[in-house]
N, C-alpha and C. Protein backbone atom coordinates (compact mmCIF):
# COMPACT_ATOMS: atom_id res chain seq x y z
N MET A 1 -39.71 10.12 -15.66
CA MET A 1 -40.78 9.56 -14.87
C MET A 1 -40.42 8.19 -14.19
N LYS A 2 -40.62 8.08 -13.10
CA LYS A 2 -40.17 7.07 -12.14
C LYS A 2 -41.29 6.02 -12.04
N LEU A 3 -41.05 4.93 -12.76
CA LEU A 3 -42.08 3.86 -13.00
C LEU A 3 -41.57 2.55 -12.18
N LEU A 4 -42.63 1.99 -11.28
CA LEU A 4 -42.55 1.05 -10.53
C LEU A 4 -43.24 0.06 -11.29
N LEU A 5 -42.65 -1.12 -11.64
CA LEU A 5 -43.37 -2.00 -12.47
C LEU A 5 -44.09 -3.22 -11.52
N ASP A 6 -45.43 -3.27 -11.78
CA ASP A 6 -46.05 -4.32 -11.05
C ASP A 6 -45.52 -5.79 -11.51
N THR A 7 -45.65 -6.71 -10.54
CA THR A 7 -44.98 -8.05 -10.83
C THR A 7 -45.16 -8.56 -12.08
N HIS A 8 -46.43 -8.44 -12.64
CA HIS A 8 -46.73 -9.13 -14.09
C HIS A 8 -46.18 -8.11 -15.23
N PHE A 9 -45.88 -7.03 -15.02
CA PHE A 9 -45.32 -6.05 -15.81
C PHE A 9 -44.09 -6.50 -16.25
N TRP A 10 -43.41 -6.82 -15.23
CA TRP A 10 -41.64 -7.13 -15.36
C TRP A 10 -41.57 -8.29 -16.34
N PRO A 11 -42.22 -9.36 -16.33
CA PRO A 11 -41.85 -10.40 -17.52
C PRO A 11 -42.65 -9.83 -18.90
N TRP A 12 -43.83 -9.25 -18.70
CA TRP A 12 -44.42 -8.88 -19.81
C TRP A 12 -43.39 -7.95 -20.79
N ALA A 13 -42.58 -7.10 -20.09
CA ALA A 13 -41.79 -6.25 -20.83
C ALA A 13 -40.86 -6.74 -21.51
N LEU A 14 -40.40 -7.95 -20.89
CA LEU A 14 -39.37 -8.77 -21.65
C LEU A 14 -39.79 -9.78 -22.56
N LEU A 15 -40.74 -10.54 -21.93
CA LEU A 15 -41.32 -11.80 -22.76
C LEU A 15 -42.37 -11.70 -23.58
N ASP A 16 -43.20 -10.63 -23.30
CA ASP A 16 -44.61 -10.70 -23.88
C ASP A 16 -45.03 -9.09 -24.12
N PRO A 17 -43.97 -8.29 -24.84
CA PRO A 17 -43.95 -6.85 -24.88
C PRO A 17 -45.53 -6.39 -25.73
N GLN A 18 -46.00 -7.44 -26.53
CA GLN A 18 -47.31 -6.90 -27.39
C GLN A 18 -48.64 -6.80 -26.34
N ARG A 19 -48.25 -7.10 -25.11
CA ARG A 19 -49.31 -7.03 -24.23
C ARG A 19 -49.38 -5.85 -23.59
N LEU A 20 -48.31 -4.99 -23.92
CA LEU A 20 -48.30 -3.51 -23.32
C LEU A 20 -49.05 -2.64 -23.92
N SER A 21 -49.73 -1.69 -23.39
CA SER A 21 -50.37 -0.65 -24.27
C SER A 21 -49.24 0.22 -24.88
N ASN A 22 -50.01 0.91 -25.88
CA ASN A 22 -49.11 1.99 -26.52
C ASN A 22 -48.45 2.95 -25.43
N GLU A 23 -49.35 3.52 -24.55
CA GLU A 23 -48.73 4.43 -23.66
C GLU A 23 -47.80 3.88 -22.80
N VAL A 24 -47.91 2.52 -22.07
CA VAL A 24 -47.02 2.04 -21.27
C VAL A 24 -45.77 1.83 -22.02
N SER A 25 -45.80 1.38 -23.38
CA SER A 25 -44.71 0.88 -24.10
C SER A 25 -43.94 2.16 -24.28
N ALA A 26 -44.30 3.24 -24.59
CA ALA A 26 -43.80 4.53 -24.68
C ALA A 26 -43.18 4.98 -23.64
N ALA A 27 -43.80 4.90 -22.53
CA ALA A 27 -43.24 5.36 -21.11
C ALA A 27 -42.17 4.37 -20.75
N LEU A 28 -42.08 3.26 -20.94
CA LEU A 28 -40.86 2.22 -20.69
C LEU A 28 -39.56 2.48 -21.54
N GLN A 29 -40.14 2.89 -22.58
CA GLN A 29 -38.99 3.28 -23.56
C GLN A 29 -38.41 4.57 -23.63
N SER A 30 -39.17 5.46 -22.91
CA SER A 30 -38.63 6.96 -23.00
C SER A 30 -37.46 7.09 -22.04
N PRO A 31 -36.42 8.02 -22.69
CA PRO A 31 -35.02 8.16 -22.29
C PRO A 31 -35.17 8.65 -20.83
N ASP A 32 -36.30 9.31 -20.42
CA ASP A 32 -36.53 10.01 -19.02
C ASP A 32 -37.13 8.85 -18.16
N ALA A 33 -37.40 7.69 -18.52
CA ALA A 33 -38.02 6.76 -17.76
C ALA A 33 -36.87 6.14 -16.73
N GLU A 34 -37.38 6.15 -15.52
CA GLU A 34 -36.46 5.25 -14.45
C GLU A 34 -37.42 4.19 -14.14
N LEU A 35 -37.02 2.93 -14.27
CA LEU A 35 -37.57 1.84 -13.91
C LEU A 35 -37.33 1.27 -12.66
N TRP A 36 -38.15 0.94 -11.96
CA TRP A 36 -38.07 0.38 -10.54
C TRP A 36 -38.64 -0.77 -10.21
N LEU A 37 -38.23 -1.74 -9.40
CA LEU A 37 -38.52 -3.10 -9.28
C LEU A 37 -38.52 -3.46 -7.81
N SER A 38 -39.55 -3.79 -7.19
CA SER A 38 -39.71 -3.99 -5.61
C SER A 38 -39.17 -5.45 -5.37
N PRO A 39 -38.47 -5.76 -4.39
CA PRO A 39 -38.15 -7.18 -3.91
C PRO A 39 -39.41 -8.02 -3.65
N VAL A 40 -40.63 -7.07 -3.29
CA VAL A 40 -41.77 -8.19 -3.47
C VAL A 40 -42.21 -8.56 -4.84
N SER A 41 -41.94 -7.95 -5.87
CA SER A 41 -42.31 -8.30 -7.16
C SER A 41 -41.33 -9.47 -7.43
N VAL A 42 -40.07 -9.49 -7.07
CA VAL A 42 -39.13 -10.58 -7.30
C VAL A 42 -39.64 -11.98 -6.40
N TRP A 43 -40.05 -11.72 -5.06
CA TRP A 43 -40.49 -12.70 -4.56
C TRP A 43 -42.06 -13.42 -4.98
N GLU A 44 -42.82 -12.44 -5.56
CA GLU A 44 -44.00 -13.08 -6.15
C GLU A 44 -43.68 -13.76 -7.33
N ALA A 45 -42.72 -13.14 -8.16
CA ALA A 45 -42.37 -14.04 -9.55
C ALA A 45 -41.85 -15.35 -9.27
N THR A 46 -41.05 -15.48 -8.06
CA THR A 46 -40.36 -16.85 -7.74
C THR A 46 -41.60 -17.76 -7.50
N LEU A 47 -42.58 -17.23 -6.37
CA LEU A 47 -43.69 -18.00 -6.14
C LEU A 47 -44.40 -18.44 -7.36
N LEU A 48 -44.60 -17.63 -8.41
CA LEU A 48 -45.50 -17.94 -9.29
C LEU A 48 -44.73 -19.22 -10.28
N ALA A 49 -43.31 -18.88 -10.24
CA ALA A 49 -42.48 -20.00 -11.11
C ALA A 49 -42.58 -21.22 -10.29
N GLU A 50 -42.56 -21.28 -8.97
CA GLU A 50 -42.39 -22.57 -8.07
C GLU A 50 -43.66 -23.28 -8.19
N ARG A 51 -44.76 -22.40 -8.37
CA ARG A 51 -46.01 -23.14 -8.44
C ARG A 51 -46.58 -23.48 -9.75
N GLY A 52 -45.67 -23.27 -10.64
CA GLY A 52 -46.03 -23.68 -12.12
C GLY A 52 -46.92 -22.62 -12.80
N ARG A 53 -47.26 -21.48 -12.25
CA ARG A 53 -48.22 -20.57 -12.96
C ARG A 53 -47.54 -19.80 -14.17
N VAL A 54 -46.01 -19.86 -13.91
CA VAL A 54 -45.25 -19.37 -15.10
C VAL A 54 -44.22 -20.37 -15.22
N GLN A 55 -44.07 -20.58 -16.68
CA GLN A 55 -43.26 -21.61 -17.07
C GLN A 55 -41.90 -21.13 -17.38
N VAL A 56 -40.76 -21.85 -16.46
CA VAL A 56 -39.43 -21.48 -16.88
C VAL A 56 -38.66 -22.55 -17.26
N LYS A 57 -37.59 -22.30 -18.19
CA LYS A 57 -36.88 -23.34 -18.61
C LYS A 57 -35.53 -23.64 -17.85
N SER A 58 -35.34 -22.98 -16.92
CA SER A 58 -34.18 -23.25 -15.91
C SER A 58 -34.69 -23.39 -14.52
N ASP A 59 -33.89 -23.32 -13.63
CA ASP A 59 -34.29 -23.41 -12.24
C ASP A 59 -34.58 -21.87 -11.94
N VAL A 60 -35.39 -21.67 -10.81
CA VAL A 60 -36.28 -20.60 -10.62
C VAL A 60 -35.37 -19.25 -10.41
N SER A 61 -34.20 -19.76 -9.61
CA SER A 61 -33.39 -18.65 -9.25
C SER A 61 -32.49 -18.20 -10.52
N ALA A 62 -32.23 -18.79 -11.26
CA ALA A 62 -31.49 -18.55 -12.26
C ALA A 62 -32.46 -17.62 -13.35
N TRP A 63 -33.73 -18.14 -13.51
CA TRP A 63 -34.66 -17.40 -14.30
C TRP A 63 -34.90 -16.06 -13.85
N VAL A 64 -35.07 -15.79 -12.34
CA VAL A 64 -35.29 -14.68 -11.88
C VAL A 64 -34.13 -13.65 -12.11
N ARG A 65 -32.98 -14.24 -11.74
CA ARG A 65 -31.70 -13.52 -12.10
C ARG A 65 -31.36 -13.07 -13.30
N GLY A 66 -31.94 -13.93 -14.31
CA GLY A 66 -31.85 -13.54 -15.53
C GLY A 66 -32.76 -12.30 -16.19
N MET A 67 -33.90 -12.48 -15.50
CA MET A 67 -34.94 -11.68 -15.81
C MET A 67 -34.50 -10.09 -15.12
N ILE A 68 -33.89 -10.16 -14.04
CA ILE A 68 -33.21 -8.74 -13.43
C ILE A 68 -32.31 -8.56 -14.28
N ALA A 69 -31.36 -9.27 -14.78
CA ALA A 69 -30.28 -8.80 -15.78
C ALA A 69 -30.61 -8.26 -16.97
N ALA A 70 -31.71 -8.81 -17.53
CA ALA A 70 -32.21 -8.54 -18.86
C ALA A 70 -32.92 -7.07 -18.97
N LEU A 71 -33.62 -6.67 -17.82
CA LEU A 71 -34.35 -5.53 -17.64
C LEU A 71 -33.83 -4.67 -16.57
N PRO A 72 -32.63 -3.86 -16.63
CA PRO A 72 -32.26 -3.26 -15.48
C PRO A 72 -33.23 -2.45 -14.93
N CYS A 73 -33.48 -2.30 -13.63
CA CYS A 73 -34.14 -1.56 -12.81
C CYS A 73 -33.46 -1.15 -11.70
N ARG A 74 -33.96 -0.06 -11.09
CA ARG A 74 -33.43 0.17 -9.69
C ARG A 74 -34.29 -0.60 -8.77
N GLU A 75 -33.66 -1.06 -7.56
CA GLU A 75 -34.31 -1.65 -6.54
C GLU A 75 -34.87 -0.85 -5.77
N ALA A 76 -36.33 -0.86 -5.71
CA ALA A 76 -37.04 -0.13 -4.77
C ALA A 76 -36.87 -0.53 -3.21
N PRO A 77 -36.65 0.36 -2.25
CA PRO A 77 -36.48 -0.24 -1.12
C PRO A 77 -37.80 -0.70 -0.42
N LEU A 78 -37.52 -1.82 0.73
CA LEU A 78 -38.65 -2.23 1.45
C LEU A 78 -38.41 -1.55 2.79
N THR A 79 -39.27 -0.86 3.35
CA THR A 79 -38.90 -0.01 4.68
C THR A 79 -39.80 0.00 5.49
N HIS A 80 -39.61 0.38 6.70
CA HIS A 80 -40.41 0.28 7.64
C HIS A 80 -41.59 1.21 7.39
N GLU A 81 -41.48 2.38 6.93
CA GLU A 81 -42.61 3.22 6.37
C GLU A 81 -43.47 2.79 5.53
N ILE A 82 -42.66 1.89 4.44
CA ILE A 82 -43.69 1.03 3.53
C ILE A 82 -44.52 0.29 4.29
N ALA A 83 -44.00 -0.58 5.21
CA ALA A 83 -44.91 -1.23 5.94
C ALA A 83 -46.08 -0.81 6.71
N ILE A 84 -45.59 0.43 7.30
CA ILE A 84 -46.71 1.13 8.00
C ILE A 84 -47.84 1.67 7.22
N VAL A 85 -47.20 2.14 5.84
CA VAL A 85 -48.22 2.78 4.86
C VAL A 85 -49.08 1.83 4.42
N ARG A 86 -48.61 0.60 4.14
CA ARG A 86 -49.47 -0.58 3.46
C ARG A 86 -50.80 -0.81 4.30
N SER A 87 -50.63 -0.61 5.62
CA SER A 87 -51.77 -1.21 6.27
C SER A 87 -52.81 0.03 6.40
N ALA A 88 -52.34 1.19 5.93
CA ALA A 88 -53.60 2.38 6.01
C ALA A 88 -54.23 2.81 4.71
N LEU A 89 -53.55 1.97 3.46
CA LEU A 89 -54.10 2.24 2.47
C LEU A 89 -55.54 1.77 2.17
N LYS A 90 -56.42 2.53 1.38
CA LYS A 90 -57.92 2.11 1.18
C LYS A 90 -57.69 1.35 -0.09
N LEU A 91 -57.55 0.10 0.05
CA LEU A 91 -57.73 -0.69 -1.44
C LEU A 91 -58.89 -1.49 -1.30
N ALA A 92 -59.38 -1.91 -2.66
CA ALA A 92 -60.60 -2.72 -2.61
C ALA A 92 -60.39 -4.26 -2.23
N HIS A 93 -59.09 -4.64 -2.02
CA HIS A 93 -58.71 -5.91 -1.66
C HIS A 93 -57.57 -5.96 -0.63
N GLU A 94 -57.16 -7.13 -0.09
CA GLU A 94 -56.17 -7.23 1.04
C GLU A 94 -54.99 -7.94 0.36
N ASP A 95 -54.65 -8.19 -0.95
CA ASP A 95 -53.69 -8.85 -1.29
C ASP A 95 -52.59 -8.22 -0.69
N PRO A 96 -51.64 -8.89 -0.03
CA PRO A 96 -50.46 -8.37 0.66
C PRO A 96 -49.49 -7.82 -0.24
N ALA A 97 -49.13 -8.43 -1.56
CA ALA A 97 -48.09 -7.87 -2.46
C ALA A 97 -48.72 -6.51 -2.93
N ASP A 98 -49.80 -6.60 -3.37
CA ASP A 98 -50.41 -5.50 -3.96
C ASP A 98 -50.46 -4.28 -2.86
N ARG A 99 -50.61 -4.47 -1.81
CA ARG A 99 -50.61 -3.41 -0.58
C ARG A 99 -49.11 -3.00 -0.55
N PHE A 100 -48.16 -3.83 -0.61
CA PHE A 100 -46.66 -3.43 -0.57
C PHE A 100 -46.31 -2.64 -1.72
N LEU A 101 -46.68 -3.03 -2.92
CA LEU A 101 -46.25 -2.22 -4.04
C LEU A 101 -46.92 -0.86 -4.09
N ALA A 102 -48.23 -0.80 -3.80
CA ALA A 102 -48.76 0.40 -3.78
C ALA A 102 -48.31 1.36 -2.66
N ALA A 103 -47.77 0.85 -1.51
CA ALA A 103 -47.25 1.79 -0.47
C ALA A 103 -45.98 1.96 -0.88
N THR A 104 -45.46 1.24 -1.64
CA THR A 104 -43.82 1.54 -2.25
C THR A 104 -44.08 2.77 -3.09
N ALA A 105 -45.06 2.72 -3.91
CA ALA A 105 -45.28 3.71 -4.83
C ALA A 105 -45.65 5.12 -4.26
N GLN A 106 -46.36 5.06 -3.24
CA GLN A 106 -46.73 6.15 -2.56
C GLN A 106 -45.61 6.76 -1.68
N VAL A 107 -44.76 5.85 -0.89
CA VAL A 107 -43.95 6.67 -0.22
C VAL A 107 -42.71 7.03 -1.03
N ASN A 108 -42.38 6.29 -1.93
CA ASN A 108 -41.18 6.72 -3.00
C ASN A 108 -41.41 7.61 -4.05
N GLU A 109 -42.68 8.09 -4.30
CA GLU A 109 -43.17 8.87 -5.17
C GLU A 109 -42.97 8.24 -6.70
N LEU A 110 -43.28 6.98 -6.77
CA LEU A 110 -43.11 6.31 -8.03
C LEU A 110 -44.62 6.10 -8.74
N THR A 111 -44.48 5.81 -9.98
CA THR A 111 -45.93 5.42 -10.68
C THR A 111 -45.95 4.14 -10.79
N LEU A 112 -47.07 3.56 -10.17
CA LEU A 112 -47.07 2.05 -10.19
C LEU A 112 -47.75 1.77 -11.66
N VAL A 113 -46.90 0.79 -12.56
CA VAL A 113 -47.52 0.37 -13.85
C VAL A 113 -48.10 -0.87 -13.64
N THR A 114 -49.40 -1.07 -13.87
CA THR A 114 -50.18 -2.31 -13.68
C THR A 114 -51.05 -2.43 -14.65
N ALA A 115 -51.72 -3.60 -14.66
CA ALA A 115 -52.98 -3.90 -15.34
C ALA A 115 -54.16 -4.26 -14.45
N ASP A 116 -53.68 -4.31 -13.28
CA ASP A 116 -54.77 -4.73 -12.24
C ASP A 116 -55.80 -3.71 -11.89
N GLU A 117 -56.91 -3.97 -12.28
CA GLU A 117 -58.13 -2.98 -12.33
C GLU A 117 -58.46 -2.54 -10.88
N ARG A 118 -57.99 -3.56 -9.90
CA ARG A 118 -58.26 -3.24 -8.39
C ARG A 118 -57.30 -2.11 -8.12
N LEU A 119 -56.27 -1.68 -8.64
CA LEU A 119 -55.31 -0.72 -8.33
C LEU A 119 -55.46 0.49 -9.27
N ILE A 120 -55.72 0.40 -10.44
CA ILE A 120 -56.00 1.47 -11.39
C ILE A 120 -57.28 2.18 -10.92
N GLY A 121 -56.92 3.60 -10.86
CA GLY A 121 -58.10 4.48 -10.32
C GLY A 121 -57.63 4.98 -9.07
N SER A 122 -56.90 4.44 -8.11
CA SER A 122 -56.68 4.76 -6.90
C SER A 122 -56.21 6.17 -6.76
N ALA A 123 -56.58 6.94 -5.84
CA ALA A 123 -56.00 8.26 -5.47
C ALA A 123 -55.19 8.32 -4.72
N GLU A 124 -54.66 7.35 -3.95
CA GLU A 124 -53.51 7.19 -2.93
C GLU A 124 -52.11 7.23 -3.31
N PHE A 125 -51.97 6.75 -4.56
CA PHE A 125 -50.70 6.75 -5.13
C PHE A 125 -50.96 6.91 -6.59
N LEU A 126 -49.83 7.07 -7.38
CA LEU A 126 -49.92 7.56 -8.85
C LEU A 126 -49.99 6.08 -9.48
N VAL A 127 -50.73 5.85 -10.48
CA VAL A 127 -50.80 4.65 -11.30
C VAL A 127 -50.97 4.99 -12.80
N MET A 128 -50.33 4.19 -13.52
CA MET A 128 -50.35 4.11 -15.07
C MET A 128 -51.05 2.68 -15.33
N GLY A 129 -52.14 2.79 -15.82
CA GLY A 129 -52.75 1.51 -16.17
C GLY A 129 -52.58 1.10 -17.59
N ASN A 130 -52.59 -0.21 -17.86
CA ASN A 130 -52.28 -0.78 -19.31
C ASN A 130 -53.88 -1.17 -19.93
N TYR A 131 -54.51 -0.21 -20.57
CA TYR A 131 -55.48 -0.39 -21.29
C TYR A 131 -55.37 -0.92 -22.61
């Protein structure tokens, strides 16, 4: 299974694994799992750290690089097609990062792993919710 980690899942998987549901935890640990991370999530995580919404003990760049190294993921491409599909998605909100992640999941046939109730239940892309 090819799993695209939503921005919040990436740190949870490393720093707060008890927040993961049994289903998500099993999926992430499966030998068949391919973990994917979008550059949009890296950008979003740096913003959260820079704004103090996530506390880091080192500089933001070092923290992000450490997180990338600690949980090896494939880098999901950010393409023209993703930018086009992003605008056509029927989502309940206009959050640009969520739109890019949803479009990335759709275009690359990835399952978006998220706890965001605004994304769970969409029929436009594959989603695994953290319940």
